[in-house]
């Protein structure tokens, strides 16, 4: 699944499971449920949802390009 696909699924609310190009694993298990991310051997719900989560992903992508 590409970064674009993940962003589209976040916006649509449909279930998905995938890793971003940076290796961040994200998943939604039920329609319009919370998005989970992999951290320290467990999937935890993200405090960010929808457009906030998209902004967070975009900001982390930009941080990688600054270094």
Protein backbone atom coordinates (compact mmCIF):
# COMPACT_ATOMS: atom_id res chain seq x y z
CA UNK A 1 0.00 0.00 0.00
CA UNK A 2 1.42 3.39 -0.98
CA UNK A 3 1.43 6.54 1.16
CA UNK A 4 -1.24 7.94 -1.16
CA UNK A 5 -3.43 4.86 -0.63
CA UNK A 6 -3.08 5.14 3.15
CA UNK A 7 -4.07 8.81 3.06
CA UNK A 8 -7.10 8.01 0.91
CA UNK A 9 -8.22 5.26 3.31
CA UNK A 10 -7.77 7.60 6.30
CA UNK A 11 -10.02 10.16 4.58
CA UNK A 12 -12.59 7.57 3.46
CA UNK A 13 -13.05 5.90 6.84
CA UNK A 14 -12.69 2.37 5.42
CA UNK A 15 -10.64 -0.39 7.08
CA UNK A 16 -7.03 -0.77 5.96
CA UNK A 17 -3.63 -2.03 7.07
CA UNK A 18 -0.37 -0.76 5.67
CA UNK A 19 3.08 0.69 6.23
CA UNK A 20 4.13 4.14 5.08
CA UNK A 21 7.32 4.66 3.11
CA UNK A 22 8.99 5.56 6.44
CA UNK A 23 7.99 2.21 7.97
CA UNK A 24 5.18 3.60 10.16
CA UNK A 25 2.52 0.86 10.40
CA UNK A 26 -1.07 2.14 10.46
CA UNK A 27 -4.37 0.25 10.51
CA UNK A 28 -8.13 0.71 10.89
CA UNK A 29 -10.01 -2.48 11.67
CA UNK A 30 -13.64 -1.38 11.35
CA UNK A 31 -15.27 1.29 9.17
CA UNK A 32 -14.93 4.74 10.71
CA UNK A 33 -13.12 3.33 13.77
CA UNK A 34 -9.90 4.74 15.20
CA UNK A 35 -6.62 4.48 13.33
CA UNK A 36 -3.99 2.43 15.14
CA UNK A 37 -0.25 2.69 14.78
CA UNK A 38 2.47 0.23 15.71
CA UNK A 39 4.60 1.22 18.69
CA UNK A 40 6.75 -0.98 20.91
CA UNK A 41 5.21 -4.31 19.84
CA UNK A 42 1.58 -3.21 20.10
CA UNK A 43 -1.01 -1.36 18.07
CA UNK A 44 -2.18 1.76 19.89
CA UNK A 45 -5.05 4.09 18.91
CA UNK A 46 -3.79 7.41 17.60
CA UNK A 47 -5.07 10.55 19.32
CA UNK A 48 -5.28 12.16 15.86
CA UNK A 49 -8.10 11.42 13.45
CA UNK A 50 -9.02 12.32 9.88
CA UNK A 51 -7.44 15.53 8.60
CA UNK A 52 -5.40 15.91 11.82
CA UNK A 53 -3.81 12.51 11.18
CA UNK A 54 -3.11 13.48 7.57
CA UNK A 55 -1.44 16.68 8.79
CA UNK A 56 0.66 14.65 11.27
CA UNK A 57 1.81 12.29 8.49
CA UNK A 58 2.64 15.24 6.20
CA UNK A 59 4.60 17.01 8.95
CA UNK A 60 6.63 13.87 9.70
CA UNK A 61 7.39 13.48 5.99
CA UNK A 62 8.63 17.10 5.84
CA UNK A 63 10.79 16.61 8.95
CA UNK A 64 12.61 13.78 7.17
CA UNK A 65 13.49 16.07 4.27
CA UNK A 66 14.97 18.80 6.50
CA UNK A 67 17.88 16.66 7.77
